[in-house]
Amino acid sequence: MTPPSIKVATGSEEASVIDALVLAFITDPLARWLWPDPHEYLTHFPHFTKAYGDKAFVHESAYYVDGYRGGAMWLPPDVHADDDAVDTLIQNRVTADKQEDFVGLLDRIDHCLPKEPHWYLLFIGVEPMHRGKGFGSALMEHALPRCDHDRTPVFLESTNPRNRSLYERHGFEVLDTIQVGSSPPISTMLRKPR
């Protein structure tokens, strides 16, 4: 089997990468806790993905599997999501009954972030019909050498327990498991450079 082709996403490909991630996260426990209604999920999750990961396209750290079967968005060291856009997103696209729990969850995640410069893997996912073909590993293996070359750790939060084995195979270790109010539990994970 030919290894999948991983490409750097340009700004003009942002919508296609986000679409792939929307399909990949369709059964994600955190995403579906925020938006259990399918219409709400399909309406709001693309904005969520863009607010958090938009800067990955600027820094050439957004990738996709050829054919947009999956994608990944990484933030380089000292690059952060747009806090104003995230705050607006929470106020306008998360129901009032979940806002406090979600903000509490984000605060707890912030406390787990490494103090030193680090890469932040915001999103990685593969369309359900293409899972099990090595695309997730290929997306991971495409970016990790850059982190190792810079001797920089990588942080992520695993919102779906089924994905932890992928992360562990690539050297990530669980830092903490967090749950706030009615939120599903998520695991913060760190990979030290190799």
C-alpha atoms as a PDB file:
ATOM      1  CA  MET A   1       0.000   0.000   0.000  1.00  0.00           C
ATOM      2  CA  THR A   2       1.319   3.434  -0.947  1.00  0.00           C
ATOM      3  CA  PRO A   3       1.844   5.722   2.043  1.00  0.00           C
ATOM      4  CA  PRO A   4      -0.654   8.583   2.155  1.00  0.00           C
ATOM      5  CA  SER A   5       0.459  11.921   0.801  1.00  0.00           C
ATOM      6  CA  ILE A   6       0.407  14.663   3.446  1.00  0.00           C
ATOM      7  CA  LYS A   7       0.356  18.257   2.271  1.00  0.00           C
ATOM      8  CA  VAL A   8       0.723  21.656   3.916  1.00  0.00           C
ATOM      9  CA  ALA A   9      -2.591  23.485   3.735  1.00  0.00           C
ATOM     10  CA  THR A  10      -2.632  26.984   2.318  1.00  0.00           C
ATOM     11  CA  GLY A  11      -5.129  29.645   3.292  1.00  0.00           C
ATOM     12  CA  SER A  12      -7.212  28.877   0.221  1.00  0.00           C
ATOM     13  CA  GLU A  13      -7.558  25.269   1.451  1.00  0.00           C
ATOM     14  CA  GLU A  14      -8.680  26.227   4.951  1.00  0.00           C
ATOM     15  CA  ALA A  15     -12.378  25.526   4.318  1.00  0.00           C
ATOM     16  CA  SER A  16     -11.615  22.068   2.893  1.00  0.00           C
ATOM     17  CA  VAL A  17      -9.417  21.133   5.868  1.00  0.00           C
ATOM     18  CA  ILE A  18     -12.053  22.381   8.301  1.00  0.00           C
ATOM     19  CA  ASP A  19     -14.711  20.359   6.455  1.00  0.00           C
ATOM     20  CA  ALA A  20     -12.559  17.236   6.831  1.00  0.00           C
ATOM     21  CA  LEU A  21     -12.176  17.908  10.559  1.00  0.00           C
ATOM     22  CA  VAL A  22     -15.918  18.495  10.962  1.00  0.00           C
ATOM     23  CA  LEU A  23     -16.512  15.012   9.527  1.00  0.00           C
ATOM     24  CA  ALA A  24     -13.710  13.550  11.656  1.00  0.00           C
ATOM     25  CA  PHE A  25     -15.128  14.955  14.907  1.00  0.00           C
ATOM     26  CA  ILE A  26     -18.755  14.029  14.229  1.00  0.00           C
ATOM     27  CA  THR A  27     -18.739  11.459  17.064  1.00  0.00           C
ATOM     28  CA  ASP A  28     -16.283  13.289  19.337  1.00  0.00           C
ATOM     29  CA  PRO A  29     -17.616  13.319  22.918  1.00  0.00           C
ATOM     30  CA  LEU A  30     -16.662  16.944  23.657  1.00  0.00           C
ATOM     31  CA  ALA A  31     -17.903  18.350  20.352  1.00  0.00           C
ATOM     32  CA  ARG A  32     -21.201  16.487  20.627  1.00  0.00           C
ATOM     33  CA  TRP A  33     -21.613  17.486  24.281  1.00  0.00           C
ATOM     34  CA  LEU A  34     -21.354  21.107  23.152  1.00  0.00           C
ATOM     35  CA  TRP A  35     -23.685  20.591  20.195  1.00  0.00           C
ATOM     36  CA  PRO A  36     -25.734  17.373  20.495  1.00  0.00           C
ATOM     37  CA  ASP A  37     -28.164  18.470  17.791  1.00  0.00           C
ATOM     38  CA  PRO A  38     -26.723  17.559  14.349  1.00  0.00           C
ATOM     39  CA  HIS A  39     -27.722  20.876  12.799  1.00  0.00           C
ATOM     40  CA  GLU A  40     -26.130  22.823  15.660  1.00  0.00           C
ATOM     41  CA  TYR A  41     -22.961  20.740  15.387  1.00  0.00           C
ATOM     42  CA  LEU A  42     -22.667  21.254  11.631  1.00  0.00           C
ATOM     43  CA  THR A  43     -23.382  24.963  12.044  1.00  0.00           C
ATOM     44  CA  HIS A  44     -21.105  25.730  14.999  1.00  0.00           C
ATOM     45  CA  PHE A  45     -18.182  23.292  14.950  1.00  0.00           C
ATOM     46  CA  PRO A  46     -16.611  24.801  11.799  1.00  0.00           C
ATOM     47  CA  HIS A  47     -16.499  28.188  13.560  1.00  0.00           C
ATOM     48  CA  PHE A  48     -14.997  26.540  16.643  1.00  0.00           C
ATOM     49  CA  THR A  49     -12.293  24.906  14.536  1.00  0.00           C
ATOM     50  CA  LYS A  50     -11.511  28.155  12.724  1.00  0.00           C
ATOM     51  CA  ALA A  51     -11.377  30.243  15.919  1.00  0.00           C
ATOM     52  CA  TYR A  52      -8.919  27.867  17.540  1.00  0.00           C
ATOM     53  CA  GLY A  53      -6.839  26.847  14.550  1.00  0.00           C
ATOM     54  CA  ASP A  54      -6.868  29.726  12.100  1.00  0.00           C
ATOM     55  CA  LYS A  55      -3.249  30.666  12.866  1.00  0.00           C
ATOM     56  CA  ALA A  56      -2.047  27.195  11.853  1.00  0.00           C
ATOM     57  CA  PHE A  57      -2.658  28.186   8.224  1.00  0.00           C
ATOM     58  CA  VAL A  58      -0.621  31.376   8.620  1.00  0.00           C
ATOM     59  CA  HIS A  59       2.303  29.439  10.131  1.00  0.00           C
ATOM     60  CA  GLU A  60       2.170  26.569   7.601  1.00  0.00           C
ATOM     61  CA  SER A  61       1.363  24.092  10.354  1.00  0.00           C
ATOM     62  CA  ALA A  62      -1.992  22.872   9.068  1.00  0.00           C
ATOM     63  CA  TYR A  63      -1.832  19.628   7.093  1.00  0.00           C
ATOM     64  CA  TYR A  64      -4.188  17.366   5.226  1.00  0.00           C
ATOM     65  CA  VAL A  65      -4.256  13.928   3.700  1.00  0.00           C
ATOM     66  CA  ASP A  66      -4.405  14.161  -0.091  1.00  0.00           C
ATOM     67  CA  GLY A  67      -8.076  14.279  -1.024  1.00  0.00           C
ATOM     68  CA  TYR A  68      -8.980  15.935   2.299  1.00  0.00           C
ATOM     69  CA  ARG A  69      -9.597  12.584   4.001  1.00  0.00           C
ATOM     70  CA  GLY A  70      -8.221  13.999   7.230  1.00  0.00           C
ATOM     71  CA  GLY A  71      -6.410  16.971   8.635  1.00  0.00           C
ATOM     72  CA  ALA A  72      -4.385  18.371  11.498  1.00  0.00           C
ATOM     73  CA  MET A  73      -3.882  21.857  12.898  1.00  0.00           C
ATOM     74  CA  TRP A  74      -0.801  22.630  15.011  1.00  0.00           C
ATOM     75  CA  LEU A  75       0.133  25.892  16.704  1.00  0.00           C
ATOM     76  CA  PRO A  76       3.896  26.539  16.858  1.00  0.00           C
ATOM     77  CA  PRO A  77       5.602  27.622  20.092  1.00  0.00           C
ATOM     78  CA  ASP A  78       4.475  31.021  21.351  1.00  0.00           C
ATOM     79  CA  VAL A  79       1.548  31.171  18.900  1.00  0.00           C
ATOM     80  CA  HIS A  80      -1.875  31.149  20.518  1.00  0.00           C
ATOM     81  CA  ALA A  81      -5.485  31.057  19.416  1.00  0.00           C
ATOM     82  CA  ASP A  82      -7.243  34.407  19.151  1.00  0.00           C
ATOM     83  CA  ASP A  83      -8.718  34.806  22.659  1.00  0.00           C
ATOM     84  CA  ASP A  84     -11.257  37.411  21.522  1.00  0.00           C
ATOM     85  CA  ALA A  85     -12.540  35.133  18.764  1.00  0.00           C
ATOM     86  CA  VAL A  86     -12.752  32.209  21.200  1.00  0.00           C
ATOM     87  CA  ASP A  87     -14.624  34.305  23.792  1.00  0.00           C
ATOM     88  CA  THR A  88     -17.076  35.503  21.144  1.00  0.00           C
ATOM     89  CA  LEU A  89     -17.523  31.944  19.930  1.00  0.00           C
ATOM     90  CA  ILE A  90     -18.352  30.709  23.434  1.00  0.00           C
ATOM     91  CA  GLN A  91     -20.837  33.518  24.031  1.00  0.00           C
ATOM     92  CA  ASN A  92     -22.577  33.142  20.665  1.00  0.00           C
ATOM     93  CA  ARG A  93     -22.316  29.460  19.815  1.00  0.00           C
ATOM     94  CA  VAL A  94     -22.369  27.531  23.107  1.00  0.00           C
ATOM     95  CA  THR A  95     -25.662  27.299  24.959  1.00  0.00           C
ATOM     96  CA  ALA A  96     -25.873  29.198  28.248  1.00  0.00           C
ATOM     97  CA  ASP A  97     -26.268  25.991  30.284  1.00  0.00           C
ATOM     98  CA  LYS A  98     -22.843  24.743  29.075  1.00  0.00           C
ATOM     99  CA  GLN A  99     -20.847  27.966  28.927  1.00  0.00           C
ATOM    100  CA  GLU A 100     -19.680  27.934  32.546  1.00  0.00           C
ATOM    101  CA  ASP A 101     -18.603  24.280  32.408  1.00  0.00           C
ATOM    102  CA  PHE A 102     -16.833  24.791  29.082  1.00  0.00           C
ATOM    103  CA  VAL A 103     -14.976  27.892  30.296  1.00  0.00           C
ATOM    104  CA  GLY A 104     -14.001  25.966  33.439  1.00  0.00           C
ATOM    105  CA  LEU A 105     -12.720  23.129  31.277  1.00  0.00           C
ATOM    106  CA  LEU A 106     -10.629  25.540  29.184  1.00  0.00           C
ATOM    107  CA  ASP A 107      -9.207  27.101  32.351  1.00  0.00           C
ATOM    108  CA  ARG A 108      -8.184  23.678  33.658  1.00  0.00           C
ATOM    109  CA  ILE A 109      -6.537  22.870  30.320  1.00  0.00           C
ATOM    110  CA  ASP A 110      -4.598  26.155  30.477  1.00  0.00           C
ATOM    111  CA  HIS A 111      -3.185  25.091  33.858  1.00  0.00           C
ATOM    112  CA  CYS A 112      -1.845  21.888  32.268  1.00  0.00           C
ATOM    113  CA  LEU A 113       0.013  23.658  29.461  1.00  0.00           C
ATOM    114  CA  PRO A 114       3.800  23.392  29.642  1.00  0.00           C
ATOM    115  CA  LYS A 115       5.563  26.499  30.893  1.00  0.00           C
ATOM    116  CA  GLU A 116       8.287  26.191  28.263  1.00  0.00           C
ATOM    117  CA  PRO A 117       7.722  26.839  24.537  1.00  0.00           C
ATOM    118  CA  HIS A 118       5.770  23.955  22.990  1.00  0.00           C
ATOM    119  CA  TRP A 119       3.812  22.888  19.954  1.00  0.00           C
ATOM    120  CA  TYR A 120       0.064  22.551  20.468  1.00  0.00           C
ATOM    121  CA  LEU A 121      -1.779  19.932  18.434  1.00  0.00           C
ATOM    122  CA  LEU A 122      -5.238  21.475  18.357  1.00  0.00           C
ATOM    123  CA  PHE A 123      -7.002  19.093  16.003  1.00  0.00           C
ATOM    124  CA  ILE A 124      -6.176  15.872  14.224  1.00  0.00           C
ATOM    125  CA  GLY A 125      -8.791  13.681  12.641  1.00  0.00           C
ATOM    126  CA  VAL A 126      -9.715  11.404   9.788  1.00  0.00           C
ATOM    127  CA  GLU A 127     -13.061  11.070   8.075  1.00  0.00           C
ATOM    128  CA  PRO A 128     -14.911   8.041   9.522  1.00  0.00           C
ATOM    129  CA  MET A 129     -14.990   6.156   6.208  1.00  0.00           C
ATOM    130  CA  HIS A 130     -11.187   6.444   5.903  1.00  0.00           C
ATOM    131  CA  ARG A 131     -10.182   5.446   9.429  1.00  0.00           C
ATOM    132  CA  GLY A 132      -7.899   2.479   9.928  1.00  0.00           C
ATOM    133  CA  LYS A 133      -5.825   3.268   6.816  1.00  0.00           C
ATOM    134  CA  GLY A 134      -2.898   4.914   8.616  1.00  0.00           C
ATOM    135  CA  PHE A 135      -3.897   8.489   7.790  1.00  0.00           C
ATOM    136  CA  GLY A 136      -3.868   9.631  11.436  1.00  0.00           C
ATOM    137  CA  SER A 137      -0.374   8.216  11.940  1.00  0.00           C
ATOM    138  CA  ALA A 138       0.791   9.777   8.677  1.00  0.00           C
ATOM    139  CA  LEU A 139      -0.488  13.192   9.785  1.00  0.00           C
ATOM    140  CA  MET A 140       1.288  12.778  13.116  1.00  0.00           C
ATOM    141  CA  GLU A 141       4.536  11.519  11.571  1.00  0.00           C
ATOM    142  CA  HIS A 142       4.580  14.421   9.136  1.00  0.00           C
ATOM    143  CA  ALA A 143       4.727  17.045  11.915  1.00  0.00           C
ATOM    144  CA  LEU A 144       6.599  15.392  14.794  1.00  0.00           C
ATOM    145  CA  PRO A 145      10.079  15.524  13.178  1.00  0.00           C
ATOM    146  CA  ARG A 146       9.802  19.320  13.110  1.00  0.00           C
ATOM    147  CA  CYS A 147       9.066  19.312  16.856  1.00  0.00           C
ATOM    148  CA  ASP A 148      11.939  16.923  17.544  1.00  0.00           C
ATOM    149  CA  HIS A 149      14.338  18.954  15.402  1.00  0.00           C
ATOM    150  CA  ASP A 150      13.495  22.046  17.477  1.00  0.00           C
ATOM    151  CA  ARG A 151      13.734  19.976  20.707  1.00  0.00           C
ATOM    152  CA  THR A 152      10.236  21.198  21.590  1.00  0.00           C
ATOM    153  CA  PRO A 153       7.540  19.263  23.479  1.00  0.00           C
ATOM    154  CA  VAL A 154       4.041  18.818  22.068  1.00  0.00           C
ATOM    155  CA  PHE A 155       0.812  19.277  24.033  1.00  0.00           C
ATOM    156  CA  LEU A 156      -2.683  18.081  23.148  1.00  0.00           C
ATOM    157  CA  GLU A 157      -5.934  17.198  24.776  1.00  0.00           C
ATOM    158  CA  SER A 158      -7.564  13.920  23.862  1.00  0.00           C
ATOM    159  CA  THR A 159     -11.310  14.468  23.800  1.00  0.00           C
ATOM    160  CA  ASN A 160     -12.037  10.925  22.652  1.00  0.00           C
ATOM    161  CA  PRO A 161     -10.693   7.915  24.615  1.00  0.00           C
ATOM    162  CA  ARG A 162     -10.503   5.873  21.382  1.00  0.00           C
ATOM    163  CA  ASN A 163      -7.714   8.135  20.136  1.00  0.00           C
ATOM    164  CA  ARG A 164      -5.388   7.776  23.104  1.00  0.00           C
ATOM    165  CA  SER A 165      -3.681   4.705  21.651  1.00  0.00           C
ATOM    166  CA  LEU A 166      -2.672   6.689  18.536  1.00  0.00           C
ATOM    167  CA  TYR A 167      -1.154   9.391  20.707  1.00  0.00           C
ATOM    168  CA  GLU A 168       0.582   6.917  22.999  1.00  0.00           C
ATOM    169  CA  ARG A 169       2.116   5.107  19.991  1.00  0.00           C
ATOM    170  CA  HIS A 170       3.678   8.427  19.024  1.00  0.00           C
ATOM    171  CA  GLY A 171       5.156   9.097  22.456  1.00  0.00           C
ATOM    172  CA  PHE A 172       2.451  11.112  24.239  1.00  0.00           C
ATOM    173  CA  GLU A 173       1.829  10.528  27.932  1.00  0.00           C
ATOM    174  CA  VAL A 174      -1.248  11.485  29.949  1.00  0.00           C
ATOM    175  CA  LEU A 175      -0.728  14.465  32.254  1.00  0.00           C
ATOM    176  CA  ASP A 176      -4.220  14.695  33.727  1.00  0.00           C
ATOM    177  CA  THR A 177      -7.834  13.739  33.132  1.00  0.00           C
ATOM    178  CA  ILE A 178     -10.205  16.683  33.471  1.00  0.00           C
ATOM    179  CA  GLN A 179     -13.968  16.924  33.797  1.00  0.00           C
ATOM    180  CA  VAL A 180     -15.937  20.033  34.761  1.00  0.00           C
ATOM    181  CA  GLY A 181     -19.649  19.888  35.566  1.00  0.00           C
ATOM    182  CA  SER A 182     -21.500  18.027  32.859  1.00  0.00           C
ATOM    183  CA  SER A 183     -18.556  17.921  30.415  1.00  0.00           C
ATOM    184  CA  PRO A 184     -17.144  14.606  29.248  1.00  0.00           C
ATOM    185  CA  PRO A 185     -13.712  13.742  30.650  1.00  0.00           C
ATOM    186  CA  ILE A 186     -10.737  14.709  28.519  1.00  0.00           C
ATOM    187  CA  SER A 187      -7.069  13.804  28.893  1.00  0.00           C
ATOM    188  CA  THR A 188      -4.272  16.324  28.588  1.00  0.00           C
ATOM    189  CA  MET A 189      -1.179  14.739  27.054  1.00  0.00           C
ATOM    190  CA  LEU A 190       2.444  15.714  26.478  1.00  0.00           C
ATOM    191  CA  ARG A 191       5.151  14.355  24.201  1.00  0.00           C
ATOM    192  CA  LYS A 192       8.747  15.172  25.008  1.00  0.00           C
ATOM    193  CA  PRO A 193      11.081  15.712  22.051  1.00  0.00           C
ATOM    194  CA  ARG A 194      13.105  12.738  20.867  1.00  0.00           C
END
